[in-house]
Amino acid sequence: MPIADCCRICRAIRREFEGLCVWALTDNDAACAFYRHLGGRQVCEGVEHFGDRSFRKAAFGWH
């Protein structure tokens, strides 16, 4: 994820939006750890399909 996207996420959280949700592939340990470190809680799971491959994903939310 580009650093600019990370900065936008951090600013949104600091402005105390009513809610924010981001998705990460569950195999991407660094992304999942990053969102948890920012206080995100896993709120949903799903599967993303790319061609003939499927990847598990998790939604992290802030309330």
N, C-alpha and C. Protein backbone atom coordinates (compact mmCIF):
# COMPACT_ATOMS: atom_id res chain seq x y z
N MET A 1 0.86 -1.17 0.00
CA MET A 1 0.00 0.00 0.00
C MET A 1 0.90 1.23 0.00
N PRO A 2 0.62 2.17 -0.90
CA PRO A 2 1.41 3.40 -0.93
C PRO A 2 1.30 4.17 0.38
N ILE A 3 2.38 4.82 0.76
CA ILE A 3 2.40 5.57 2.02
C ILE A 3 1.33 6.66 2.04
N ALA A 4 1.01 7.23 0.89
CA ALA A 4 -0.03 8.28 0.85
C ALA A 4 -1.37 7.72 1.30
N ASP A 5 -1.66 6.47 0.92
CA ASP A 5 -2.91 5.85 1.36
C ASP A 5 -2.91 5.64 2.87
N CYS A 6 -1.78 5.21 3.41
CA CYS A 6 -1.67 5.02 4.86
C CYS A 6 -1.90 6.35 5.59
N CYS A 7 -1.34 7.41 5.05
CA CYS A 7 -1.51 8.72 5.68
C CYS A 7 -2.97 9.16 5.66
N ARG A 8 -3.67 8.91 4.55
CA ARG A 8 -5.09 9.27 4.47
C ARG A 8 -5.89 8.49 5.50
N ILE A 9 -5.57 7.22 5.67
CA ILE A 9 -6.27 6.40 6.67
C ILE A 9 -6.03 6.96 8.06
N CYS A 10 -4.79 7.27 8.37
CA CYS A 10 -4.47 7.81 9.71
C CYS A 10 -5.19 9.14 9.95
N ARG A 11 -5.22 10.01 8.95
CA ARG A 11 -5.91 11.30 9.12
C ARG A 11 -7.40 11.10 9.33
N ALA A 12 -7.98 10.16 8.62
CA ALA A 12 -9.42 9.89 8.77
C ALA A 12 -9.72 9.41 10.17
N ILE A 13 -8.88 8.53 10.69
CA ILE A 13 -9.10 8.02 12.04
C ILE A 13 -8.96 9.15 13.05
N ARG A 14 -7.97 9.99 12.89
CA ARG A 14 -7.76 11.10 13.83
C ARG A 14 -8.91 12.10 13.82
N ARG A 15 -9.53 12.28 12.66
CA ARG A 15 -10.66 13.21 12.58
C ARG A 15 -11.92 12.61 13.18
N GLU A 16 -11.80 11.41 13.66
CA GLU A 16 -12.91 10.72 14.34
C GLU A 16 -14.15 10.63 13.46
N PHE A 17 -13.97 10.10 12.27
CA PHE A 17 -15.12 9.81 11.43
C PHE A 17 -16.05 8.89 12.19
N GLU A 18 -17.31 8.88 11.83
CA GLU A 18 -18.25 7.97 12.48
C GLU A 18 -17.83 6.53 12.30
N GLY A 19 -17.26 6.22 11.19
CA GLY A 19 -16.81 4.85 10.95
C GLY A 19 -15.89 4.80 9.75
N LEU A 20 -15.06 3.81 9.73
CA LEU A 20 -14.12 3.61 8.64
C LEU A 20 -13.91 2.12 8.50
N CYS A 21 -13.84 1.64 7.27
CA CYS A 21 -13.64 0.22 7.03
C CYS A 21 -12.62 0.06 5.91
N VAL A 22 -11.64 -0.81 6.10
CA VAL A 22 -10.67 -1.13 5.07
C VAL A 22 -10.55 -2.65 4.96
N TRP A 23 -10.23 -3.12 3.79
CA TRP A 23 -10.07 -4.55 3.55
C TRP A 23 -8.60 -4.88 3.37
N ALA A 24 -8.20 -6.08 3.83
CA ALA A 24 -6.84 -6.58 3.62
C ALA A 24 -6.94 -8.08 3.37
N LEU A 25 -6.07 -8.58 2.51
CA LEU A 25 -5.99 -10.02 2.34
C LEU A 25 -5.43 -10.62 3.62
N THR A 26 -6.04 -11.69 4.10
CA THR A 26 -5.64 -12.24 5.40
C THR A 26 -4.21 -12.80 5.37
N ASP A 27 -3.71 -13.18 4.21
CA ASP A 27 -2.32 -13.65 4.11
C ASP A 27 -1.32 -12.50 4.20
N ASN A 28 -1.79 -11.27 4.12
CA ASN A 28 -0.92 -10.10 4.21
C ASN A 28 -0.78 -9.72 5.68
N ASP A 29 0.10 -10.44 6.37
CA ASP A 29 0.27 -10.24 7.81
C ASP A 29 0.65 -8.81 8.17
N ALA A 30 1.48 -8.18 7.34
CA ALA A 30 1.92 -6.81 7.64
C ALA A 30 0.74 -5.84 7.61
N ALA A 31 -0.13 -5.97 6.61
CA ALA A 31 -1.29 -5.07 6.51
C ALA A 31 -2.24 -5.30 7.67
N CYS A 32 -2.52 -6.56 7.99
CA CYS A 32 -3.44 -6.86 9.09
C CYS A 32 -2.89 -6.33 10.41
N ALA A 33 -1.58 -6.51 10.63
CA ALA A 33 -0.96 -6.01 11.86
C ALA A 33 -1.01 -4.48 11.90
N PHE A 34 -0.79 -3.84 10.76
CA PHE A 34 -0.84 -2.38 10.68
C PHE A 34 -2.21 -1.86 11.09
N TYR A 35 -3.27 -2.43 10.55
CA TYR A 35 -4.62 -1.97 10.87
C TYR A 35 -4.98 -2.25 12.32
N ARG A 36 -4.54 -3.40 12.84
CA ARG A 36 -4.79 -3.69 14.26
C ARG A 36 -4.04 -2.70 15.14
N HIS A 37 -2.81 -2.37 14.76
CA HIS A 37 -2.00 -1.41 15.53
C HIS A 37 -2.69 -0.04 15.58
N LEU A 38 -3.40 0.31 14.52
CA LEU A 38 -4.13 1.58 14.50
C LEU A 38 -5.46 1.51 15.23
N GLY A 39 -5.75 0.36 15.83
CA GLY A 39 -6.98 0.22 16.60
C GLY A 39 -8.14 -0.39 15.84
N GLY A 40 -7.88 -0.86 14.62
CA GLY A 40 -8.94 -1.49 13.83
C GLY A 40 -9.30 -2.85 14.41
N ARG A 41 -10.57 -3.16 14.32
CA ARG A 41 -11.06 -4.46 14.76
C ARG A 41 -11.61 -5.19 13.55
N GLN A 42 -11.32 -6.49 13.48
CA GLN A 42 -11.84 -7.26 12.36
C GLN A 42 -13.36 -7.36 12.50
N VAL A 43 -14.07 -6.89 11.49
CA VAL A 43 -15.53 -6.83 11.57
C VAL A 43 -16.22 -7.73 10.56
N CYS A 44 -15.47 -8.25 9.59
CA CYS A 44 -16.09 -9.06 8.55
C CYS A 44 -15.01 -9.85 7.83
N GLU A 45 -15.40 -10.97 7.24
CA GLU A 45 -14.49 -11.76 6.41
C GLU A 45 -15.14 -12.01 5.06
N GLY A 46 -14.33 -12.29 4.08
CA GLY A 46 -14.87 -12.60 2.76
C GLY A 46 -13.81 -13.27 1.91
N VAL A 47 -14.13 -13.45 0.66
CA VAL A 47 -13.22 -14.06 -0.30
C VAL A 47 -13.18 -13.18 -1.54
N GLU A 48 -11.98 -12.95 -2.03
CA GLU A 48 -11.78 -12.17 -3.26
C GLU A 48 -11.30 -13.14 -4.33
N HIS A 49 -11.87 -13.05 -5.52
CA HIS A 49 -11.51 -13.94 -6.62
C HIS A 49 -10.75 -13.16 -7.69
N PHE A 50 -9.59 -13.68 -8.07
CA PHE A 50 -8.78 -13.12 -9.15
C PHE A 50 -8.53 -14.25 -10.14
N GLY A 51 -9.25 -14.23 -11.23
CA GLY A 51 -9.12 -15.32 -12.20
C GLY A 51 -9.55 -16.62 -11.57
N ASP A 52 -8.66 -17.61 -11.61
CA ASP A 52 -8.98 -18.92 -11.02
C ASP A 52 -8.48 -19.06 -9.59
N ARG A 53 -8.01 -17.98 -9.00
CA ARG A 53 -7.50 -18.02 -7.63
C ARG A 53 -8.43 -17.29 -6.69
N SER A 54 -8.50 -17.78 -5.45
CA SER A 54 -9.33 -17.15 -4.41
C SER A 54 -8.46 -16.81 -3.22
N PHE A 55 -8.73 -15.66 -2.63
CA PHE A 55 -7.96 -15.19 -1.48
C PHE A 55 -8.93 -14.76 -0.38
N ARG A 56 -8.63 -15.17 0.85
CA ARG A 56 -9.44 -14.73 1.99
C ARG A 56 -9.09 -13.28 2.30
N LYS A 57 -10.10 -12.53 2.71
CA LYS A 57 -9.88 -11.12 3.07
C LYS A 57 -10.61 -10.83 4.36
N ALA A 58 -10.15 -9.79 5.04
CA ALA A 58 -10.75 -9.36 6.30
C ALA A 58 -11.00 -7.86 6.24
N ALA A 59 -12.12 -7.45 6.80
CA ALA A 59 -12.43 -6.02 6.90
C ALA A 59 -12.10 -5.57 8.32
N PHE A 60 -11.40 -4.45 8.41
CA PHE A 60 -11.08 -3.85 9.70
C PHE A 60 -11.87 -2.56 9.82
N GLY A 61 -12.50 -2.38 10.96
CA GLY A 61 -13.34 -1.22 11.14
C GLY A 61 -13.00 -0.43 12.38
N TRP A 62 -13.33 0.84 12.31
CA TRP A 62 -13.22 1.76 13.43
C TRP A 62 -14.58 2.39 13.61
N HIS A 63 -15.02 2.50 14.85
CA HIS A 63 -16.34 3.09 15.12
C HIS A 63 -16.19 4.37 15.90
